[in-house]
Amino acid sequence: MTDYSFVCGDDICDQRIDRCVADMYEDFSRSYIQKLIRDGKVFVNDRPVKSSFRVSEGDRVCFSAPEAVLPDIVPENIPLDILYEDEDIIVVNKPKGMVVHPAPGHYSGTLVNALMYHCSGGLSGINGILRPGIVHRIDMDTTGTLLVCKNDKAHVKIAEQLKEHSLTRVYTALVHGVIKQDEGRIDAPIGRSEKDRKKMCINAKNGKHAVTNYKVMERYEKYSLISCRLETGRTHQIRVHLSSIGYPIAGDSVYCSLKPPCALQGQTLHAGTIGFIHPRSGEYMEFTAPLPVYFTELIKKLESA
């Protein structure tokens, strides 16, 4: 059995306990958490609760779950585009179509498989066997900068910056529609969809605070090229926020129902710049990954249309 515990913050107060735990630990489904609750294995402030129990700020949630039988994650000699590396961290330019860490259906060919080979297993272990070194993620079809930690001390310090929303993260996106204003700010809470647990949505009741700032870089006949600076880092944040204001990301099969340009596969979203305080030196560092070829070629086509 593995023990889990956390203290509820103000961003999750008044949520049902089953949803709260499922959102906190994405590897566990809500139905699995409900079974643990029925079995009396989920406690709030040392007392067993029912699934309908709603948490308050400061509540301490504890539960135990059988250890999952995890597959061996095999190091694989997969080429990496490394923007920076030292004894504590690696900044990688992730290509389109690469999954960040192993999960059901993707136990090989992931960024973690490649990192384990490159680092000879020397990665932080805080996020467990399946996610060594991974302190934050980007989607499979999102390209660009990803910060990886080689040891637990670095991981803790970078995780603190993530929690405080002090990292610099700037994305480039191509969206459907011509945005009239030159820039804008989207401040809307994001939570899991009640209709589809695999999707996120604007959720005023149970969502977490989320802010995306955007600026128009170019306008085309039917599209806009924009940069997005994150103030927070929620799951699918940019994709959900832009879709919510009527400018979904081109190629996004989850949050956009419009036909993508040029038979595009996957969303046109690129994590261009990441900036952070180095966990050892204390100095601010910033790295930028160039737009991938598919993205620049698409822009050329739109410019000549």
C-alpha atoms as a PDB file:
ATOM      1  CA  MET A   1       0.000   0.000   0.000  1.00  0.00           C
ATOM      2  CA  THR A   2       1.089   3.550  -0.716  1.00  0.00           C
ATOM      3  CA  ASP A   3      -0.014   6.443   1.494  1.00  0.00           C
ATOM      4  CA  TYR A   4      -1.032   9.779  -0.019  1.00  0.00           C
ATOM      5  CA  SER A   5      -1.875  13.048   1.718  1.00  0.00           C
ATOM      6  CA  PHE A   6      -2.348  16.733   0.962  1.00  0.00           C
ATOM      7  CA  VAL A   7      -3.797  19.867   2.533  1.00  0.00           C
ATOM      8  CA  CYS A   8      -6.645  21.589   0.685  1.00  0.00           C
ATOM      9  CA  GLY A   9      -5.998  25.098  -0.562  1.00  0.00           C
ATOM     10  CA  ASP A  10      -8.562  27.805  -1.197  1.00  0.00           C
ATOM     11  CA  ASP A  11      -8.632  26.897  -4.904  1.00  0.00           C
ATOM     12  CA  ILE A  12     -10.324  23.558  -4.205  1.00  0.00           C
ATOM     13  CA  CYS A  13     -12.518  24.371  -1.210  1.00  0.00           C
ATOM     14  CA  ASP A  14     -16.156  23.244  -1.419  1.00  0.00           C
ATOM     15  CA  GLN A  15     -15.310  20.525  -3.961  1.00  0.00           C
ATOM     16  CA  ARG A  16     -16.600  16.997  -3.459  1.00  0.00           C
ATOM     17  CA  ILE A  17     -13.891  14.822  -1.965  1.00  0.00           C
ATOM     18  CA  ASP A  18     -13.999  12.259  -4.797  1.00  0.00           C
ATOM     19  CA  ARG A  19     -13.476  14.933  -7.450  1.00  0.00           C
ATOM     20  CA  CYS A  20     -10.887  16.737  -5.361  1.00  0.00           C
ATOM     21  CA  VAL A  21      -8.710  13.614  -4.987  1.00  0.00           C
ATOM     22  CA  ALA A  22      -9.171  12.565  -8.630  1.00  0.00           C
ATOM     23  CA  ASP A  23      -8.099  16.022  -9.806  1.00  0.00           C
ATOM     24  CA  MET A  24      -5.097  16.025  -7.465  1.00  0.00           C
ATOM     25  CA  TYR A  25      -3.906  12.570  -8.578  1.00  0.00           C
ATOM     26  CA  GLU A  26      -4.629  12.246 -12.287  1.00  0.00           C
ATOM     27  CA  ASP A  27      -3.405   8.626 -12.394  1.00  0.00           C
ATOM     28  CA  PHE A  28      -6.487   7.625 -10.370  1.00  0.00           C
ATOM     29  CA  SER A  29      -9.939   7.732 -11.963  1.00  0.00           C
ATOM     30  CA  ARG A  30     -12.846   9.229 -10.074  1.00  0.00           C
ATOM     31  CA  SER A  31     -14.603   5.860  -9.977  1.00  0.00           C
ATOM     32  CA  TYR A  32     -11.489   4.298  -8.406  1.00  0.00           C
ATOM     33  CA  ILE A  33     -11.380   7.036  -5.759  1.00  0.00           C
ATOM     34  CA  GLN A  34     -15.075   6.455  -5.038  1.00  0.00           C
ATOM     35  CA  LYS A  35     -14.328   2.764  -4.451  1.00  0.00           C
ATOM     36  CA  LEU A  36     -11.566   3.693  -1.992  1.00  0.00           C
ATOM     37  CA  ILE A  37     -14.042   5.966  -0.199  1.00  0.00           C
ATOM     38  CA  ARG A  38     -16.646   3.189   0.000  1.00  0.00           C
ATOM     39  CA  ASP A  39     -13.952   0.909   1.431  1.00  0.00           C
ATOM     40  CA  GLY A  40     -13.244   3.471   4.164  1.00  0.00           C
ATOM     41  CA  LYS A  41      -9.721   4.269   2.946  1.00  0.00           C
ATOM     42  CA  VAL A  42     -10.109   8.026   2.420  1.00  0.00           C
ATOM     43  CA  PHE A  43      -9.901  10.303   5.466  1.00  0.00           C
ATOM     44  CA  VAL A  44     -10.392  14.032   6.001  1.00  0.00           C
ATOM     45  CA  ASN A  45      -8.862  15.290   9.234  1.00  0.00           C
ATOM     46  CA  ASP A  46      -8.449  11.648  10.330  1.00  0.00           C
ATOM     47  CA  ARG A  47     -12.131  10.773   9.822  1.00  0.00           C
ATOM     48  CA  PRO A  48     -13.543   8.576   7.034  1.00  0.00           C
ATOM     49  CA  VAL A  49     -15.881  10.423   4.676  1.00  0.00           C
ATOM     50  CA  LYS A  50     -18.464   9.765   1.969  1.00  0.00           C
ATOM     51  CA  SER A  51     -18.043  10.749  -1.677  1.00  0.00           C
ATOM     52  CA  SER A  52     -20.472  13.639  -1.239  1.00  0.00           C
ATOM     53  CA  PHE A  53     -18.327  15.255   1.474  1.00  0.00           C
ATOM     54  CA  ARG A  54     -17.122  18.738   0.477  1.00  0.00           C
ATOM     55  CA  VAL A  55     -13.669  19.864   1.552  1.00  0.00           C
ATOM     56  CA  SER A  56     -12.750  23.153   3.180  1.00  0.00           C
ATOM     57  CA  GLU A  57      -9.539  25.149   3.050  1.00  0.00           C
ATOM     58  CA  GLY A  58      -7.010  23.630   5.455  1.00  0.00           C
ATOM     59  CA  ASP A  59      -8.577  20.142   5.474  1.00  0.00           C
ATOM     60  CA  ARG A  60      -5.966  17.379   5.489  1.00  0.00           C
ATOM     61  CA  VAL A  61      -6.855  14.543   3.114  1.00  0.00           C
ATOM     62  CA  CYS A  62      -5.220  11.137   3.534  1.00  0.00           C
ATOM     63  CA  PHE A  63      -5.779   7.843   1.745  1.00  0.00           C
ATOM     64  CA  SER A  64      -4.053   4.586   0.959  1.00  0.00           C
ATOM     65  CA  ALA A  65      -4.029   2.753  -2.344  1.00  0.00           C
ATOM     66  CA  PRO A  66      -2.499  -0.557  -3.419  1.00  0.00           C
ATOM     67  CA  GLU A  67       0.773  -0.103  -5.257  1.00  0.00           C
ATOM     68  CA  ALA A  68       0.221  -0.338  -8.989  1.00  0.00           C
ATOM     69  CA  VAL A  69       2.221  -2.871 -10.922  1.00  0.00           C
ATOM     70  CA  LEU A  70       4.222  -0.621 -13.200  1.00  0.00           C
ATOM     71  CA  PRO A  71       6.042  -1.726 -16.315  1.00  0.00           C
ATOM     72  CA  ASP A  72       9.806  -1.322 -16.555  1.00  0.00           C
ATOM     73  CA  ILE A  73      10.575   1.955 -18.279  1.00  0.00           C
ATOM     74  CA  VAL A  74      13.364   1.141 -20.701  1.00  0.00           C
ATOM     75  CA  PRO A  75      15.962   3.783 -21.653  1.00  0.00           C
ATOM     76  CA  GLU A  76      15.860   4.354 -25.411  1.00  0.00           C
ATOM     77  CA  ASN A  77      18.440   5.976 -27.657  1.00  0.00           C
ATOM     78  CA  ILE A  78      16.127   8.633 -29.074  1.00  0.00           C
ATOM     79  CA  PRO A  79      17.761  11.871 -30.315  1.00  0.00           C
ATOM     80  CA  LEU A  80      17.042  14.925 -28.155  1.00  0.00           C
ATOM     81  CA  ASP A  81      17.185  18.595 -29.130  1.00  0.00           C
ATOM     82  CA  ILE A  82      18.849  19.959 -25.982  1.00  0.00           C
ATOM     83  CA  LEU A  83      18.816  23.740 -25.573  1.00  0.00           C
ATOM     84  CA  TYR A  84      20.733  23.703 -22.276  1.00  0.00           C
ATOM     85  CA  GLU A  85      22.120  21.179 -19.812  1.00  0.00           C
ATOM     86  CA  ASP A  86      24.103  21.198 -16.570  1.00  0.00           C
ATOM     87  CA  GLU A  87      24.359  19.019 -13.457  1.00  0.00           C
ATOM     88  CA  ASP A  88      20.890  20.024 -12.228  1.00  0.00           C
ATOM     89  CA  ILE A  89      18.618  20.638 -15.194  1.00  0.00           C
ATOM     90  CA  ILE A  90      18.002  20.044 -18.890  1.00  0.00           C
ATOM     91  CA  VAL A  91      15.963  22.268 -21.205  1.00  0.00           C
ATOM     92  CA  VAL A  92      14.642  20.245 -24.141  1.00  0.00           C
ATOM     93  CA  ASN A  93      12.930  21.314 -27.363  1.00  0.00           C
ATOM     94  CA  LYS A  94      10.199  18.669 -27.619  1.00  0.00           C
ATOM     95  CA  PRO A  95       9.069  17.661 -31.119  1.00  0.00           C
ATOM     96  CA  LYS A  96       5.477  17.299 -32.256  1.00  0.00           C
ATOM     97  CA  GLY A  97       3.923  13.889 -31.611  1.00  0.00           C
ATOM     98  CA  MET A  98       6.192  12.896 -28.710  1.00  0.00           C
ATOM     99  CA  VAL A  99       4.489  11.943 -25.444  1.00  0.00           C
ATOM    100  CA  VAL A 100       6.280  13.414 -22.414  1.00  0.00           C
ATOM    101  CA  HIS A 101       6.047  10.471 -20.028  1.00  0.00           C
ATOM    102  CA  PRO A 102       4.897   6.827 -20.180  1.00  0.00           C
ATOM    103  CA  ALA A 103       1.209   6.113 -19.686  1.00  0.00           C
ATOM    104  CA  PRO A 104      -1.185   3.336 -20.731  1.00  0.00           C
ATOM    105  CA  GLY A 105      -0.701   2.881 -24.454  1.00  0.00           C
ATOM    106  CA  HIS A 106       2.587   4.820 -24.508  1.00  0.00           C
ATOM    107  CA  TYR A 107       5.272   2.961 -22.567  1.00  0.00           C
ATOM    108  CA  SER A 108       7.990   3.509 -25.151  1.00  0.00           C
ATOM    109  CA  GLY A 109       9.147   6.289 -27.442  1.00  0.00           C
ATOM    110  CA  THR A 110       8.433   8.959 -24.830  1.00  0.00           C
ATOM    111  CA  LEU A 111      10.603  11.856 -23.749  1.00  0.00           C
ATOM    112  CA  VAL A 112      11.243  10.040 -20.460  1.00  0.00           C
ATOM    113  CA  ASN A 113      12.566   6.983 -22.318  1.00  0.00           C
ATOM    114  CA  ALA A 114      14.959   9.261 -24.194  1.00  0.00           C
ATOM    115  CA  LEU A 115      16.002  11.165 -21.049  1.00  0.00           C
ATOM    116  CA  MET A 116      16.712   7.965 -19.128  1.00  0.00           C
ATOM    117  CA  TYR A 117      19.116   6.913 -21.863  1.00  0.00           C
ATOM    118  CA  HIS A 118      20.734  10.344 -22.152  1.00  0.00           C
ATOM    119  CA  CYS A 119      21.116  10.804 -18.383  1.00  0.00           C
ATOM    120  CA  SER A 120      21.879   7.167 -17.576  1.00  0.00           C
ATOM    121  CA  GLY A 121      18.997   7.171 -15.100  1.00  0.00           C
ATOM    122  CA  GLY A 122      20.194  10.337 -13.357  1.00  0.00           C
ATOM    123  CA  LEU A 123      16.848  12.132 -12.993  1.00  0.00           C
ATOM    124  CA  SER A 124      14.808  13.378 -10.042  1.00  0.00           C
ATOM    125  CA  GLY A 125      12.527  10.761  -8.518  1.00  0.00           C
ATOM    126  CA  ILE A 126       9.891  12.967  -6.885  1.00  0.00           C
ATOM    127  CA  ASN A 127       7.206  12.293  -9.507  1.00  0.00           C
ATOM    128  CA  GLY A 128       7.646   8.522  -9.388  1.00  0.00           C
ATOM    129  CA  ILE A 129       8.736   5.751 -11.703  1.00  0.00           C
ATOM    130  CA  LEU A 130       6.729   6.889 -14.720  1.00  0.00           C
ATOM    131  CA  ARG A 131       7.730  10.550 -14.557  1.00  0.00           C
ATOM    132  CA  PRO A 132      11.391  10.809 -13.511  1.00  0.00           C
ATOM    133  CA  GLY A 133      12.679  14.345 -13.920  1.00  0.00           C
ATOM    134  CA  ILE A 134       9.330  15.668 -15.130  1.00  0.00           C
ATOM    135  CA  VAL A 135       8.270  18.757 -13.198  1.00  0.00           C
ATOM    136  CA  HIS A 136       5.828  20.125 -15.795  1.00  0.00           C
ATOM    137  CA  ARG A 137       4.356  18.858 -19.068  1.00  0.00           C
ATOM    138  CA  ILE A 138       3.241  19.923 -22.502  1.00  0.00           C
ATOM    139  CA  ASP A 139       0.791  18.016 -24.680  1.00  0.00           C
ATOM    140  CA  MET A 140       1.866  15.386 -27.200  1.00  0.00           C
ATOM    141  CA  ASP A 141       1.161  17.653 -30.196  1.00  0.00           C
ATOM    142  CA  THR A 142       2.536  20.785 -28.545  1.00  0.00           C
ATOM    143  CA  THR A 143       6.148  21.522 -29.440  1.00  0.00           C
ATOM    144  CA  GLY A 144       8.838  23.485 -27.667  1.00  0.00           C
ATOM    145  CA  THR A 145      10.604  24.096 -24.383  1.00  0.00           C
ATOM    146  CA  LEU A 146      10.369  21.674 -21.483  1.00  0.00           C
ATOM    147  CA  LEU A 147      12.380  21.970 -18.274  1.00  0.00           C
ATOM    148  CA  VAL A 148      13.589  18.676 -16.752  1.00  0.00           C
ATOM    149  CA  CYS A 149      15.244  18.180 -13.340  1.00  0.00           C
ATOM    150  CA  LYS A 150      18.169  15.815 -12.750  1.00  0.00           C
ATOM    151  CA  ASN A 151      17.932  15.665  -8.960  1.00  0.00           C
ATOM    152  CA  ASP A 152      15.357  16.088  -6.207  1.00  0.00           C
ATOM    153  CA  LYS A 153      16.784  19.366  -4.867  1.00  0.00           C
ATOM    154  CA  ALA A 154      16.423  20.999  -8.276  1.00  0.00           C
ATOM    155  CA  HIS A 155      12.955  19.495  -8.673  1.00  0.00           C
ATOM    156  CA  VAL A 156      11.730  20.954  -5.378  1.00  0.00           C
ATOM    157  CA  LYS A 157      12.964  24.462  -6.219  1.00  0.00           C
ATOM    158  CA  ILE A 158      11.518  24.446  -9.735  1.00  0.00           C
ATOM    159  CA  ALA A 159       8.222  23.028  -8.415  1.00  0.00           C
ATOM    160  CA  GLU A 160       8.046  25.939  -5.957  1.00  0.00           C
ATOM    161  CA  GLN A 161       8.372  28.398  -8.845  1.00  0.00           C
ATOM    162  CA  LEU A 162       5.606  26.568 -10.705  1.00  0.00           C
ATOM    163  CA  LYS A 163       3.366  26.739  -7.643  1.00  0.00           C
ATOM    164  CA  GLU A 164       4.072  30.458  -7.242  1.00  0.00           C
ATOM    165  CA  HIS A 165       3.451  31.014 -11.000  1.00  0.00           C
ATOM    166  CA  SER A 166       6.806  32.790 -11.264  1.00  0.00           C
ATOM    167  CA  LEU A 167       8.130  30.919 -14.316  1.00  0.00           C
ATOM    168  CA  THR A 168       8.142  32.746 -17.631  1.00  0.00           C
ATOM    169  CA  ARG A 169       6.231  30.748 -20.246  1.00  0.00           C
ATOM    170  CA  VAL A 170       5.443  32.203 -23.651  1.00  0.00           C
ATOM    171  CA  TYR A 171       3.682  30.210 -26.375  1.00  0.00           C
ATOM    172  CA  THR A 172       2.951  30.828 -30.052  1.00  0.00           C
ATOM    173  CA  ALA A 173      -0.412  29.708 -31.429  1.00  0.00           C
ATOM    174  CA  LEU A 174      -2.357  29.911 -34.675  1.00  0.00           C
ATOM    175  CA  VAL A 175      -6.067  30.359 -34.025  1.00  0.00           C
ATOM    176  CA  HIS A 176      -9.211  30.359 -36.123  1.00  0.00           C
ATOM    177  CA  GLY A 177     -10.690  33.803 -36.682  1.00  0.00           C
ATOM    178  CA  VAL A 178      -9.290  37.309 -37.008  1.00  0.00           C
ATOM    179  CA  ILE A 179      -8.854  38.833 -33.549  1.00  0.00           C
ATOM    180  CA  LYS A 180      -9.684  42.538 -33.699  1.00  0.00           C
ATOM    181  CA  GLN A 181      -8.017  43.751 -30.510  1.00  0.00           C
ATOM    182  CA  ASP A 182      -4.212  43.760 -30.470  1.00  0.00           C
ATOM    183  CA  GLU A 183      -3.987  42.117 -27.055  1.00  0.00           C
ATOM    184  CA  GLY A 184      -6.143  40.757 -24.282  1.00  0.00           C
ATOM    185  CA  ARG A 185      -6.308  38.935 -20.969  1.00  0.00           C
ATOM    186  CA  ILE A 186      -8.395  35.848 -20.287  1.00  0.00           C
ATOM    187  CA  ASP A 187      -9.144  35.351 -16.600  1.00  0.00           C
ATOM    188  CA  ALA A 188     -11.406  32.305 -16.247  1.00  0.00           C
ATOM    189  CA  PRO A 189     -11.171  29.299 -13.903  1.00  0.00           C
ATOM    190  CA  ILE A 190     -10.466  25.911 -15.465  1.00  0.00           C
ATOM    191  CA  GLY A 191     -11.622  22.531 -14.192  1.00  0.00           C
ATOM    192  CA  ARG A 192     -12.499  19.094 -15.495  1.00  0.00           C
ATOM    193  CA  SER A 193     -15.614  18.761 -17.601  1.00  0.00           C
ATOM    194  CA  GLU A 194     -18.478  17.007 -15.832  1.00  0.00           C
ATOM    195  CA  LYS A 195     -19.547  15.515 -19.169  1.00  0.00           C
ATOM    196  CA  ASP A 196     -16.120  14.246 -20.244  1.00  0.00           C
ATOM    197  CA  ARG A 197     -13.385  13.659 -17.656  1.00  0.00           C
ATOM    198  CA  LYS A 198     -10.713  13.727 -20.371  1.00  0.00           C
ATOM    199  CA  LYS A 199     -11.575  17.340 -21.224  1.00  0.00           C
ATOM    200  CA  MET A 200     -11.105  20.577 -19.331  1.00  0.00           C
ATOM    201  CA  CYS A 201     -13.513  23.498 -19.442  1.00  0.00           C
ATOM    202  CA  ILE A 202     -14.305  26.909 -17.962  1.00  0.00           C
ATOM    203  CA  ASN A 203     -15.660  25.897 -14.576  1.00  0.00           C
ATOM    204  CA  ALA A 204     -16.660  28.768 -12.321  1.00  0.00           C
ATOM    205  CA  LYS A 205     -17.764  26.512  -9.454  1.00  0.00           C
ATOM    206  CA  ASN A 206     -14.998  23.918  -9.207  1.00  0.00           C
ATOM    207  CA  GLY A 207     -12.292  25.302 -11.497  1.00  0.00           C
ATOM    208  CA  LYS A 208      -8.869  26.606 -10.525  1.00  0.00           C
ATOM    209  CA  HIS A 209      -7.748  30.194 -11.085  1.00  0.00           C
ATOM    210  CA  ALA A 210      -6.297  30.549 -14.595  1.00  0.00           C
ATOM    211  CA  VAL A 211      -5.009  33.569 -16.526  1.00  0.00           C
ATOM    212  CA  THR A 212      -3.683  33.781 -20.093  1.00  0.00           C
ATOM    213  CA  ASN A 213      -2.417  36.982 -21.697  1.00  0.00           C
ATOM    214  CA  TYR A 214      -2.330  37.096 -25.486  1.00  0.00           C
ATOM    215  CA  LYS A 215      -0.978  39.444 -28.146  1.00  0.00           C
ATOM    216  CA  VAL A 216      -1.686  39.360 -31.880  1.00  0.00           C
ATOM    217  CA  MET A 217       1.482  38.946 -33.955  1.00  0.00           C
ATOM    218  CA  GLU A 218      -0.050  38.619 -37.444  1.00  0.00           C
ATOM    219  CA  ARG A 219      -3.512  38.516 -38.992  1.00  0.00           C
ATOM    220  CA  TYR A 220      -4.444  36.442 -42.029  1.00  0.00           C
ATOM    221  CA  GLU A 221      -7.679  36.069 -43.983  1.00  0.00           C
ATOM    222  CA  LYS A 222      -9.238  33.558 -41.580  1.00  0.00           C
ATOM    223  CA  TYR A 223      -6.613  33.125 -38.871  1.00  0.00           C
ATOM    224  CA  SER A 224      -4.547  35.004 -36.299  1.00  0.00           C
ATOM    225  CA  LEU A 225      -1.005  34.255 -35.138  1.00  0.00           C
ATOM    226  CA  ILE A 226      -0.672  35.121 -31.470  1.00  0.00           C
ATOM    227  CA  SER A 227       1.721  34.861 -28.551  1.00  0.00           C
ATOM    228  CA  CYS A 228       0.398  33.767 -25.158  1.00  0.00           C
ATOM    229  CA  ARG A 229       2.057  34.481 -21.830  1.00  0.00           C
ATOM    230  CA  LEU A 230       0.863  32.303 -18.963  1.00  0.00           C
ATOM    231  CA  GLU A 231       0.249  33.656 -15.478  1.00  0.00           C
ATOM    232  CA  THR A 232      -0.867  30.198 -14.353  1.00  0.00           C
ATOM    233  CA  GLY A 233      -0.302  26.720 -15.746  1.00  0.00           C
ATOM    234  CA  ARG A 234      -3.494  24.665 -15.753  1.00  0.00           C
ATOM    235  CA  THR A 235      -4.016  21.555 -17.874  1.00  0.00           C
ATOM    236  CA  HIS A 236      -4.877  22.553 -21.483  1.00  0.00           C
ATOM    237  CA  GLN A 237      -5.060  26.178 -20.291  1.00  0.00           C
ATOM    238  CA  ILE A 238      -4.310  27.980 -23.555  1.00  0.00           C
ATOM    239  CA  ARG A 239      -6.430  25.585 -25.607  1.00  0.00           C
ATOM    240  CA  VAL A 240      -9.444  25.958 -23.298  1.00  0.00           C
ATOM    241  CA  HIS A 241      -9.119  29.716 -22.835  1.00  0.00           C
ATOM    242  CA  LEU A 242      -8.826  30.538 -26.537  1.00  0.00           C
ATOM    243  CA  SER A 243     -11.685  28.208 -27.430  1.00  0.00           C
ATOM    244  CA  SER A 244     -13.855  29.849 -24.754  1.00  0.00           C
ATOM    245  CA  ILE A 245     -13.549  33.290 -26.396  1.00  0.00           C
ATOM    246  CA  GLY A 246     -14.288  31.969 -29.883  1.00  0.00           C
ATOM    247  CA  TYR A 247     -10.752  31.668 -31.255  1.00  0.00           C
ATOM    248  CA  PRO A 248      -9.844  27.952 -30.940  1.00  0.00           C
ATOM    249  CA  ILE A 249      -6.370  26.772 -31.858  1.00  0.00           C
ATOM    250  CA  ALA A 250      -6.108  25.456 -35.416  1.00  0.00           C
ATOM    251  CA  GLY A 251      -5.779  21.694 -35.521  1.00  0.00           C
ATOM    252  CA  ASP A 252      -7.050  21.129 -31.976  1.00  0.00           C
ATOM    253  CA  SER A 253      -9.185  18.005 -32.259  1.00  0.00           C
ATOM    254  CA  VAL A 254     -10.502  18.301 -28.688  1.00  0.00           C
ATOM    255  CA  TYR A 255     -11.493  21.948 -28.290  1.00  0.00           C
ATOM    256  CA  CYS A 256     -12.069  22.974 -31.909  1.00  0.00           C
ATOM    257  CA  SER A 257     -14.755  21.688 -34.293  1.00  0.00           C
ATOM    258  CA  LEU A 258     -13.533  23.689 -37.300  1.00  0.00           C
ATOM    259  CA  LYS A 259     -11.637  22.127 -40.186  1.00  0.00           C
ATOM    260  CA  PRO A 260      -7.877  22.699 -39.790  1.00  0.00           C
ATOM    261  CA  PRO A 261      -5.903  24.421 -42.565  1.00  0.00           C
ATOM    262  CA  CYS A 262      -3.749  22.415 -44.978  1.00  0.00           C
ATOM    263  CA  ALA A 263      -4.799  19.010 -43.558  1.00  0.00           C
ATOM    264  CA  LEU A 264      -3.033  19.915 -40.316  1.00  0.00           C
ATOM    265  CA  GLN A 265      -2.632  17.165 -37.716  1.00  0.00           C
ATOM    266  CA  GLY A 266      -2.612  18.282 -34.081  1.00  0.00           C
ATOM    267  CA  GLN A 267      -2.872  21.768 -32.579  1.00  0.00           C
ATOM    268  CA  THR A 268      -0.591  24.594 -33.753  1.00  0.00           C
ATOM    269  CA  LEU A 269       0.792  25.418 -30.309  1.00  0.00           C
ATOM    270  CA  HIS A 270       4.474  25.977 -29.566  1.00  0.00           C
ATOM    271  CA  ALA A 271       6.054  26.503 -26.135  1.00  0.00           C
ATOM    272  CA  GLY A 272       8.572  29.023 -27.404  1.00  0.00           C
ATOM    273  CA  THR A 273      10.159  30.518 -24.279  1.00  0.00           C
ATOM    274  CA  ILE A 274      10.727  29.341 -20.726  1.00  0.00           C
ATOM    275  CA  GLY A 275      12.408  31.386 -18.005  1.00  0.00           C
ATOM    276  CA  PHE A 276      13.195  30.465 -14.396  1.00  0.00           C
ATOM    277  CA  ILE A 277      15.528  30.983 -11.450  1.00  0.00           C
ATOM    278  CA  HIS A 278      18.272  28.362 -11.624  1.00  0.00           C
ATOM    279  CA  PRO A 279      17.896  26.009  -8.615  1.00  0.00           C
ATOM    280  CA  ARG A 280      21.621  26.122  -7.723  1.00  0.00           C
ATOM    281  CA  SER A 281      23.000  29.496  -8.871  1.00  0.00           C
ATOM    282  CA  GLY A 282      19.906  31.569  -8.141  1.00  0.00           C
ATOM    283  CA  GLU A 283      20.332  33.378 -11.459  1.00  0.00           C
ATOM    284  CA  TYR A 284      17.469  33.989 -13.882  1.00  0.00           C
ATOM    285  CA  MET A 285      17.797  31.963 -17.097  1.00  0.00           C
ATOM    286  CA  GLU A 286      15.661  32.057 -20.220  1.00  0.00           C
ATOM    287  CA  PHE A 287      15.615  29.807 -23.283  1.00  0.00           C
ATOM    288  CA  THR A 288      13.739  29.992 -26.571  1.00  0.00           C
ATOM    289  CA  ALA A 289      13.013  27.220 -29.061  1.00  0.00           C
ATOM    290  CA  PRO A 290      12.449  28.236 -32.700  1.00  0.00           C
ATOM    291  CA  LEU A 291       9.145  27.461 -34.381  1.00  0.00           C
ATOM    292  CA  PRO A 292       9.147  23.940 -35.865  1.00  0.00           C
ATOM    293  CA  VAL A 293       9.308  23.514 -39.627  1.00  0.00           C
ATOM    294  CA  TYR A 294       5.657  22.468 -39.995  1.00  0.00           C
ATOM    295  CA  PHE A 295       4.585  25.690 -38.274  1.00  0.00           C
ATOM    296  CA  THR A 296       6.790  28.004 -40.364  1.00  0.00           C
ATOM    297  CA  GLU A 297       5.670  26.271 -43.567  1.00  0.00           C
ATOM    298  CA  LEU A 298       2.035  26.731 -42.590  1.00  0.00           C
ATOM    299  CA  ILE A 299       2.609  30.437 -41.965  1.00  0.00           C
ATOM    300  CA  LYS A 300       4.212  30.806 -45.402  1.00  0.00           C
ATOM    301  CA  LYS A 301       1.145  29.240 -47.004  1.00  0.00           C
ATOM    302  CA  LEU A 302      -1.184  31.594 -45.141  1.00  0.00           C
ATOM    303  CA  GLU A 303       0.919  34.619 -46.085  1.00  0.00           C
ATOM    304  CA  SER A 304       0.807  33.686 -49.779  1.00  0.00           C
ATOM    305  CA  ALA A 305      -2.884  32.815 -49.828  1.00  0.00           C
END
